């Protein structure tokens, strides 16, 4: 019983360390979560950083397809930002 209590305390501290919730609202409501996570993995958290990439480079990321790219390009156009050539 004591071993279970000790183990539970160890696991809860590990879970607390590994389960960090980021409050990244970049493109929230514009594109789906898998695509947003892919951008997050690449450290792309602004339209300015996104403009440093080509459309093809972004399309190669997990979660990006024609529909997501269309939504993203529309949002970028509204904010006068485009992909690099």
PDB file of N, CA and C in Angstrom:
ATOM      1  N   UNK A   1       0.827  -1.191   0.000  1.00  0.00           N
ATOM      2  CA  UNK A   1       0.000   0.000   0.000  1.00  0.00           C
ATOM      3  C   UNK A   1       0.867   1.249   0.000  1.00  0.00           C
ATOM      4  N   UNK A   2       1.908   1.260   0.815  1.00  0.00           N
ATOM      5  CA  UNK A   2       2.803   2.409   0.876  1.00  0.00           C
ATOM      6  C   UNK A   2       3.505   2.594  -0.465  1.00  0.00           C
ATOM      7  N   UNK A   3       3.871   1.482  -1.111  1.00  0.00           N
ATOM      8  CA  UNK A   3       4.509   1.573  -2.425  1.00  0.00           C
ATOM      9  C   UNK A   3       3.585   2.224  -3.453  1.00  0.00           C
ATOM     10  N   UNK A   4       2.297   1.921  -3.379  1.00  0.00           N
ATOM     11  CA  UNK A   4       1.336   2.520  -4.304  1.00  0.00           C
ATOM     12  C   UNK A   4       1.229   4.030  -4.084  1.00  0.00           C
ATOM     13  N   UNK A   5       1.248   4.455  -2.857  1.00  0.00           N
ATOM     14  CA  UNK A   5       1.171   5.880  -2.548  1.00  0.00           C
ATOM     15  C   UNK A   5       2.414   6.598  -3.064  1.00  0.00           C
ATOM     16  N   UNK A   6       3.561   6.005  -2.840  1.00  0.00           N
ATOM     17  CA  UNK A   6       4.818   6.598  -3.318  1.00  0.00           C
ATOM     18  C   UNK A   6       4.824   6.654  -4.842  1.00  0.00           C
ATOM     19  N   UNK A   7       4.392   5.573  -5.478  1.00  0.00           N
ATOM     20  CA  UNK A   7       4.350   5.526  -6.930  1.00  0.00           C
ATOM     21  C   UNK A   7       3.384   6.570  -7.479  1.00  0.00           C
ATOM     22  N   UNK A   8       2.238   6.723  -6.848  1.00  0.00           N
ATOM     23  CA  UNK A   8       1.247   7.704  -7.292  1.00  0.00           C
ATOM     24  C   UNK A   8       1.807   9.119  -7.204  1.00  0.00           C
ATOM     25  N   UNK A   9       2.526   9.412  -6.131  1.00  0.00           N
ATOM     26  CA  UNK A   9       3.132  10.741  -5.989  1.00  0.00           C
ATOM     27  C   UNK A   9       4.182  10.974  -7.065  1.00  0.00           C
ATOM     28  N   UNK A  10       4.980   9.971  -7.365  1.00  0.00           N
ATOM     29  CA  UNK A  10       6.000  10.103  -8.412  1.00  0.00           C
ATOM     30  C   UNK A  10       5.353  10.318  -9.777  1.00  0.00           C
ATOM     31  N   UNK A  11       4.342   9.536 -10.085  1.00  0.00           N
ATOM     32  CA  UNK A  11       3.672   9.659 -11.373  1.00  0.00           C
ATOM     33  C   UNK A  11       2.984  11.004 -11.527  1.00  0.00           C
ATOM     34  N   UNK A  12       2.366  11.489 -10.459  1.00  0.00           N
ATOM     35  CA  UNK A  12       1.670  12.767 -10.575  1.00  0.00           C
ATOM     36  C   UNK A  12       2.652  13.903 -10.827  1.00  0.00           C
ATOM     37  N   UNK A  13       3.832  13.832 -10.249  1.00  0.00           N
ATOM     38  CA  UNK A  13       4.813  14.888 -10.510  1.00  0.00           C
ATOM     39  C   UNK A  13       5.354  14.792 -11.931  1.00  0.00           C
ATOM     40  N   UNK A  14       5.510  13.581 -12.462  1.00  0.00           N
ATOM     41  CA  UNK A  14       5.961  13.403 -13.839  1.00  0.00           C
ATOM     42  C   UNK A  14       4.900  13.917 -14.795  1.00  0.00           C
ATOM     43  N   UNK A  15       3.661  13.586 -14.547  1.00  0.00           N
ATOM     44  CA  UNK A  15       2.571  14.037 -15.409  1.00  0.00           C
ATOM     45  C   UNK A  15       2.455  15.554 -15.385  1.00  0.00           C
ATOM     46  N   UNK A  16       2.637  16.148 -14.248  1.00  0.00           N
ATOM     47  CA  UNK A  16       2.544  17.604 -14.145  1.00  0.00           C
ATOM     48  C   UNK A  16       3.643  18.277 -14.948  1.00  0.00           C
ATOM     49  N   UNK A  17       4.817  17.680 -14.971  1.00  0.00           N
ATOM     50  CA  UNK A  17       5.932  18.256 -15.715  1.00  0.00           C
ATOM     51  C   UNK A  17       5.737  18.062 -17.217  1.00  0.00           C
ATOM     52  N   UNK A  18       5.310  16.885 -17.629  1.00  0.00           N
ATOM     53  CA  UNK A  18       5.188  16.579 -19.051  1.00  0.00           C
ATOM     54  C   UNK A  18       3.932  17.135 -19.693  1.00  0.00           C
ATOM     55  N   UNK A  19       2.926  17.420 -18.933  1.00  0.00           N
ATOM     56  CA  UNK A  19       1.663  17.880 -19.493  1.00  0.00           C
ATOM     57  C   UNK A  19       1.565  19.396 -19.351  1.00  0.00           C
ATOM     58  N   UNK A  20       2.254  20.085 -20.245  1.00  0.00           N
ATOM     59  CA  UNK A  20       2.244  21.544 -20.235  1.00  0.00           C
ATOM     60  C   UNK A  20       1.273  21.996 -21.309  1.00  0.00           C
ATOM     61  N   UNK A  21       0.285  22.757 -20.922  1.00  0.00           N
ATOM     62  CA  UNK A  21      -0.703  23.265 -21.857  1.00  0.00           C
ATOM     63  C   UNK A  21      -0.279  24.653 -22.288  1.00  0.00           C
ATOM     64  N   UNK A  22      -0.068  24.802 -23.577  1.00  0.00           N
ATOM     65  CA  UNK A  22       0.316  26.095 -24.113  1.00  0.00           C
ATOM     66  C   UNK A  22      -0.934  26.836 -24.548  1.00  0.00           C
ATOM     67  N   UNK A  23      -0.955  28.113 -24.304  1.00  0.00           N
ATOM     68  CA  UNK A  23      -2.086  28.933 -24.704  1.00  0.00           C
ATOM     69  C   UNK A  23      -1.732  29.629 -26.009  1.00  0.00           C
ATOM     70  N   UNK A  24      -1.601  28.855 -27.067  1.00  0.00           N
ATOM     71  CA  UNK A  24      -1.239  29.393 -28.365  1.00  0.00           C
ATOM     72  C   UNK A  24      -2.501  29.559 -29.187  1.00  0.00           C
ATOM     73  N   UNK A  25      -2.907  30.789 -29.368  1.00  0.00           N
ATOM     74  CA  UNK A  25      -4.127  31.064 -30.122  1.00  0.00           C
ATOM     75  C   UNK A  25      -3.848  31.440 -31.563  1.00  0.00           C
ATOM     76  N   UNK A  26      -2.608  31.260 -32.026  1.00  0.00           N
ATOM     77  CA  UNK A  26      -2.268  31.589 -33.406  1.00  0.00           C
ATOM     78  C   UNK A  26      -3.097  30.735 -34.362  1.00  0.00           C
ATOM     79  N   UNK A  27      -3.853  31.381 -35.200  1.00  0.00           N
ATOM     80  CA  UNK A  27      -4.731  30.783 -36.208  1.00  0.00           C
ATOM     81  C   UNK A  27      -5.877  29.967 -35.612  1.00  0.00           C
ATOM     82  N   UNK A  28      -6.192  30.193 -34.336  1.00  0.00           N
ATOM     83  CA  UNK A  28      -7.316  29.499 -33.695  1.00  0.00           C
ATOM     84  C   UNK A  28      -8.606  29.879 -34.422  1.00  0.00           C
ATOM     85  N   UNK A  29      -9.370  28.909 -34.815  1.00  0.00           N
ATOM     86  CA  UNK A  29     -10.619  29.145 -35.535  1.00  0.00           C
ATOM     87  C   UNK A  29     -10.427  29.324 -37.033  1.00  0.00           C
ATOM     88  N   UNK A  30      -9.192  29.361 -37.482  1.00  0.00           N
ATOM     89  CA  UNK A  30      -8.904  29.512 -38.909  1.00  0.00           C
ATOM     90  C   UNK A  30      -8.592  28.152 -39.527  1.00  0.00           C
ATOM     91  N   UNK A  31      -7.674  27.421 -38.905  1.00  0.00           N
ATOM     92  CA  UNK A  31      -7.303  26.092 -39.398  1.00  0.00           C
ATOM     93  C   UNK A  31      -7.456  25.077 -38.263  1.00  0.00           C
ATOM     94  N   UNK A  32      -7.504  23.820 -38.636  1.00  0.00           N
ATOM     95  CA  UNK A  32      -7.725  22.734 -37.673  1.00  0.00           C
ATOM     96  C   UNK A  32      -6.513  22.526 -36.758  1.00  0.00           C
ATOM     97  N   UNK A  33      -6.759  21.866 -35.649  1.00  0.00           N
ATOM     98  CA  UNK A  33      -5.744  21.637 -34.622  1.00  0.00           C
ATOM     99  C   UNK A  33      -4.508  20.891 -35.144  1.00  0.00           C
ATOM    100  N   UNK A  34      -4.633  19.825 -35.941  1.00  0.00           N
ATOM    101  CA  UNK A  34      -3.412  19.150 -36.402  1.00  0.00           C
ATOM    102  C   UNK A  34      -2.475  20.081 -37.179  1.00  0.00           C
ATOM    103  N   UNK A  35      -3.046  20.935 -37.993  1.00  0.00           N
ATOM    104  CA  UNK A  35      -2.228  21.886 -38.758  1.00  0.00           C
ATOM    105  C   UNK A  35      -1.609  22.927 -37.834  1.00  0.00           C
ATOM    106  N   UNK A  36      -2.364  23.382 -36.848  1.00  0.00           N
ATOM    107  CA  UNK A  36      -1.825  24.352 -35.886  1.00  0.00           C
ATOM    108  C   UNK A  36      -0.681  23.741 -35.088  1.00  0.00           C
ATOM    109  N   UNK A  37      -0.824  22.465 -34.709  1.00  0.00           N
ATOM    110  CA  UNK A  37       0.248  21.783 -33.976  1.00  0.00           C
ATOM    111  C   UNK A  37       1.501  21.633 -34.837  1.00  0.00           C
ATOM    112  N   UNK A  38       1.300  21.361 -36.126  1.00  0.00           N
ATOM    113  CA  UNK A  38       2.445  21.236 -37.036  1.00  0.00           C
ATOM    114  C   UNK A  38       3.198  22.559 -37.124  1.00  0.00           C
ATOM    115  N   UNK A  39       2.480  23.666 -37.189  1.00  0.00           N
ATOM    116  CA  UNK A  39       3.122  24.977 -37.207  1.00  0.00           C
ATOM    117  C   UNK A  39       3.847  25.230 -35.890  1.00  0.00           C
ATOM    118  N   UNK A  40       3.225  24.825 -34.802  1.00  0.00           N
ATOM    119  CA  UNK A  40       3.841  25.006 -33.481  1.00  0.00           C
ATOM    120  C   UNK A  40       5.152  24.229 -33.379  1.00  0.00           C
ATOM    121  N   UNK A  41       5.173  23.002 -33.916  1.00  0.00           N
ATOM    122  CA  UNK A  41       6.398  22.191 -33.900  1.00  0.00           C
ATOM    123  C   UNK A  41       7.525  22.871 -34.681  1.00  0.00           C
ATOM    124  N   UNK A  42       7.154  23.623 -35.705  1.00  0.00           N
ATOM    125  CA  UNK A  42       8.146  24.337 -36.518  1.00  0.00           C
ATOM    126  C   UNK A  42       8.458  25.718 -35.945  1.00  0.00           C
ATOM    127  N   UNK A  43       7.881  26.032 -34.796  1.00  0.00           N
ATOM    128  CA  UNK A  43       8.091  27.331 -34.132  1.00  0.00           C
ATOM    129  C   UNK A  43       7.531  28.496 -34.954  1.00  0.00           C
ATOM    130  N   UNK A  44       6.449  28.216 -35.705  1.00  0.00           N
ATOM    131  CA  UNK A  44       5.779  29.255 -36.486  1.00  0.00           C
ATOM    132  C   UNK A  44       4.580  29.718 -35.677  1.00  0.00           C
ATOM    133  N   UNK A  45       4.686  30.915 -35.108  1.00  0.00           N
ATOM    134  CA  UNK A  45       3.609  31.411 -34.250  1.00  0.00           C
ATOM    135  C   UNK A  45       3.143  32.811 -34.632  1.00  0.00           C
ATOM    136  N   UNK A  46       3.463  33.223 -35.861  1.00  0.00           N
ATOM    137  CA  UNK A  46       2.995  34.517 -36.351  1.00  0.00           C
ATOM    138  C   UNK A  46       2.935  34.473 -37.880  1.00  0.00           C
ATOM    139  N   UNK A  47       2.165  35.389 -38.446  1.00  0.00           N
ATOM    140  CA  UNK A  47       2.085  35.452 -39.898  1.00  0.00           C
ATOM    141  C   UNK A  47       3.424  35.861 -40.500  1.00  0.00           C
ATOM    142  N   UNK A  48       4.174  36.661 -39.782  1.00  0.00           N
ATOM    143  CA  UNK A  48       5.487  37.075 -40.268  1.00  0.00           C
ATOM    144  C   UNK A  48       6.419  35.870 -40.407  1.00  0.00           C
ATOM    145  N   UNK A  49       6.432  35.002 -39.414  1.00  0.00           N
ATOM    146  CA  UNK A  49       7.253  33.789 -39.494  1.00  0.00           C
ATOM    147  C   UNK A  49       6.747  32.871 -40.598  1.00  0.00           C
ATOM    148  N   UNK A  50       5.429  32.804 -40.751  1.00  0.00           N
ATOM    149  CA  UNK A  50       4.830  31.970 -41.786  1.00  0.00           C
ATOM    150  C   UNK A  50       5.247  32.451 -43.175  1.00  0.00           C
ATOM    151  N   UNK A  51       5.398  33.748 -43.339  1.00  0.00           N
ATOM    152  CA  UNK A  51       5.767  34.303 -44.645  1.00  0.00           C
ATOM    153  C   UNK A  51       7.206  33.963 -45.036  1.00  0.00           C
ATOM    154  N   UNK A  52       7.994  33.440 -44.106  1.00  0.00           N
ATOM    155  CA  UNK A  52       9.363  33.011 -44.412  1.00  0.00           C
ATOM    156  C   UNK A  52       9.399  31.641 -45.085  1.00  0.00           C
ATOM    157  N   UNK A  53       8.265  30.995 -45.202  1.00  0.00           N
ATOM    158  CA  UNK A  53       8.167  29.658 -45.781  1.00  0.00           C
ATOM    159  C   UNK A  53       7.437  29.724 -47.118  1.00  0.00           C
ATOM    160  N   UNK A  54       7.723  28.766 -47.986  1.00  0.00           N
ATOM    161  CA  UNK A  54       6.983  28.659 -49.244  1.00  0.00           C
ATOM    162  C   UNK A  54       5.698  27.869 -48.991  1.00  0.00           C
ATOM    163  N   UNK A  55       4.786  28.001 -49.904  1.00  0.00           N
ATOM    164  CA  UNK A  55       3.525  27.260 -49.792  1.00  0.00           C
ATOM    165  C   UNK A  55       3.789  25.756 -49.783  1.00  0.00           C
ATOM    166  N   UNK A  56       4.727  25.309 -50.593  1.00  0.00           N
ATOM    167  CA  UNK A  56       5.047  23.880 -50.665  1.00  0.00           C
ATOM    168  C   UNK A  56       5.648  23.372 -49.362  1.00  0.00           C
ATOM    169  N   UNK A  57       6.489  24.163 -48.728  1.00  0.00           N
ATOM    170  CA  UNK A  57       7.080  23.752 -47.449  1.00  0.00           C
ATOM    171  C   UNK A  57       5.989  23.538 -46.400  1.00  0.00           C
ATOM    172  N   UNK A  58       5.004  24.405 -46.375  1.00  0.00           N
ATOM    173  CA  UNK A  58       3.909  24.283 -45.410  1.00  0.00           C
ATOM    174  C   UNK A  58       3.008  23.106 -45.776  1.00  0.00           C
ATOM    175  N   UNK A  59       2.781  22.905 -47.071  1.00  0.00           N
ATOM    176  CA  UNK A  59       1.938  21.784 -47.508  1.00  0.00           C
ATOM    177  C   UNK A  59       2.549  20.436 -47.127  1.00  0.00           C
ATOM    178  N   UNK A  60       3.867  20.390 -46.968  1.00  0.00           N
ATOM    179  CA  UNK A  60       4.532  19.139 -46.598  1.00  0.00           C
ATOM    180  C   UNK A  60       4.365  18.793 -45.126  1.00  0.00           C
ATOM    181  N   UNK A  61       3.865  19.726 -44.329  1.00  0.00           N
ATOM    182  CA  UNK A  61       3.659  19.463 -42.904  1.00  0.00           C
ATOM    183  C   UNK A  61       2.400  18.632 -42.697  1.00  0.00           C
ATOM    184  N   UNK A  62       2.413  17.816 -41.652  1.00  0.00           N
ATOM    185  CA  UNK A  62       1.250  17.005 -41.296  1.00  0.00           C
ATOM    186  C   UNK A  62       0.067  17.918 -40.981  1.00  0.00           C
ATOM    187  N   UNK A  63      -1.102  17.566 -41.478  1.00  0.00           N
ATOM    188  CA  UNK A  63      -2.309  18.332 -41.170  1.00  0.00           C
ATOM    189  C   UNK A  63      -2.674  19.353 -42.226  1.00  0.00           C
ATOM    190  N   UNK A  64      -1.817  19.513 -43.223  1.00  0.00           N
ATOM    191  CA  UNK A  64      -2.098  20.482 -44.275  1.00  0.00           C
ATOM    192  C   UNK A  64      -2.517  19.783 -45.546  1.00  0.00           C
ATOM    193  N   UNK A  65      -3.655  20.207 -46.056  1.00  0.00           N
ATOM    194  CA  UNK A  65      -4.177  19.741 -47.330  1.00  0.00           C
ATOM    195  C   UNK A  65      -4.700  20.946 -48.085  1.00  0.00           C
ATOM    196  N   UNK A  66      -5.398  20.685 -49.179  1.00  0.00           N
ATOM    197  CA  UNK A  66      -5.907  21.787 -50.010  1.00  0.00           C
ATOM    198  C   UNK A  66      -6.848  22.701 -49.236  1.00  0.00           C
ATOM    199  N   UNK A  67      -7.754  22.128 -48.483  1.00  0.00           N
ATOM    200  CA  UNK A  67      -8.744  22.922 -47.747  1.00  0.00           C
ATOM    201  C   UNK A  67      -8.079  23.809 -46.696  1.00  0.00           C
ATOM    202  N   UNK A  68      -7.172  23.237 -45.936  1.00  0.00           N
ATOM    203  CA  UNK A  68      -6.471  24.003 -44.903  1.00  0.00           C
ATOM    204  C   UNK A  68      -5.636  25.102 -45.540  1.00  0.00           C
ATOM    205  N   UNK A  69      -4.962  24.775 -46.627  1.00  0.00           N
ATOM    206  CA  UNK A  69      -4.124  25.773 -47.298  1.00  0.00           C
ATOM    207  C   UNK A  69      -4.985  26.904 -47.857  1.00  0.00           C
ATOM    208  N   UNK A  70      -6.139  26.581 -48.381  1.00  0.00           N
ATOM    209  CA  UNK A  70      -7.038  27.608 -48.909  1.00  0.00           C
ATOM    210  C   UNK A  70      -7.469  28.564 -47.790  1.00  0.00           C
ATOM    211  N   UNK A  71      -7.820  28.015 -46.634  1.00  0.00           N
ATOM    212  CA  UNK A  71      -8.209  28.839 -45.495  1.00  0.00           C
ATOM    213  C   UNK A  71      -7.059  29.709 -45.021  1.00  0.00           C
ATOM    214  N   UNK A  72      -5.869  29.108 -44.980  1.00  0.00           N
ATOM    215  CA  UNK A  72      -4.691  29.826 -44.524  1.00  0.00           C
ATOM    216  C   UNK A  72      -4.336  30.962 -45.483  1.00  0.00           C
ATOM    217  N   UNK A  73      -4.358  30.698 -46.778  1.00  0.00           N
ATOM    218  CA  UNK A  73      -4.029  31.726 -47.760  1.00  0.00           C
ATOM    219  C   UNK A  73      -5.036  32.864 -47.735  1.00  0.00           C
ATOM    220  N   UNK A  74      -6.286  32.542 -47.524  1.00  0.00           N
ATOM    221  CA  UNK A  74      -7.324  33.568 -47.424  1.00  0.00           C
ATOM    222  C   UNK A  74      -7.069  34.470 -46.216  1.00  0.00           C
ATOM    223  N   UNK A  75      -6.734  33.858 -45.099  1.00  0.00           N
ATOM    224  CA  UNK A  75      -6.445  34.616 -43.875  1.00  0.00           C
ATOM    225  C   UNK A  75      -5.197  35.486 -44.063  1.00  0.00           C
ATOM    226  N   UNK A  76      -4.199  34.937 -44.710  1.00  0.00           N
ATOM    227  CA  UNK A  76      -2.976  35.690 -44.955  1.00  0.00           C
ATOM    228  C   UNK A  76      -3.243  36.882 -45.880  1.00  0.00           C
ATOM    229  N   UNK A  77      -4.072  36.670 -46.892  1.00  0.00           N
ATOM    230  CA  UNK A  77      -4.405  37.738 -47.836  1.00  0.00           C
ATOM    231  C   UNK A  77      -5.121  38.884 -47.120  1.00  0.00           C
ATOM    232  N   UNK A  78      -6.015  38.552 -46.199  1.00  0.00           N
ATOM    233  CA  UNK A  78      -6.727  39.567 -45.432  1.00  0.00           C
ATOM    234  C   UNK A  78      -5.764  40.430 -44.619  1.00  0.00           C
ATOM    235  N   UNK A  79      -4.640  39.838 -44.221  1.00  0.00           N
ATOM    236  CA  UNK A  79      -3.652  40.543 -43.405  1.00  0.00           C
ATOM    237  C   UNK A  79      -2.436  41.005 -44.215  1.00  0.00           C
ATOM    238  N   UNK A  80      -2.583  40.965 -45.561  1.00  0.00           N
ATOM    239  CA  UNK A  80      -1.552  41.458 -46.483  1.00  0.00           C
ATOM    240  C   UNK A  80      -0.200  40.770 -46.288  1.00  0.00           C
ATOM    241  N   UNK A  81      -0.261  39.447 -46.126  1.00  0.00           N
ATOM    242  CA  UNK A  81       0.936  38.625 -45.949  1.00  0.00           C
ATOM    243  C   UNK A  81       0.857  37.508 -46.992  1.00  0.00           C
ATOM    244  N   UNK A  82       2.005  37.111 -47.514  1.00  0.00           N
ATOM    245  CA  UNK A  82       2.013  36.000 -48.479  1.00  0.00           C
ATOM    246  C   UNK A  82       3.219  35.098 -48.219  1.00  0.00           C
ATOM    247  N   UNK A  83       3.176  33.920 -48.826  1.00  0.00           N
ATOM    248  CA  UNK A  83       4.288  32.981 -48.720  1.00  0.00           C
ATOM    249  C   UNK A  83       5.455  33.498 -49.543  1.00  0.00           C
ATOM    250  N   UNK A  84       6.658  33.036 -49.207  1.00  0.00           N
ATOM    251  CA  UNK A  84       7.818  33.409 -50.020  1.00  0.00           C
ATOM    252  C   UNK A  84       7.725  32.688 -51.352  1.00  0.00           C
ATOM    253  N   UNK A  85       8.332  33.256 -52.357  1.00  0.00           N
ATOM    254  CA  UNK A  85       8.280  32.679 -53.708  1.00  0.00           C
ATOM    255  C   UNK A  85       9.256  31.550 -53.881  1.00  0.00           C
TER     256      UNK A  85
END
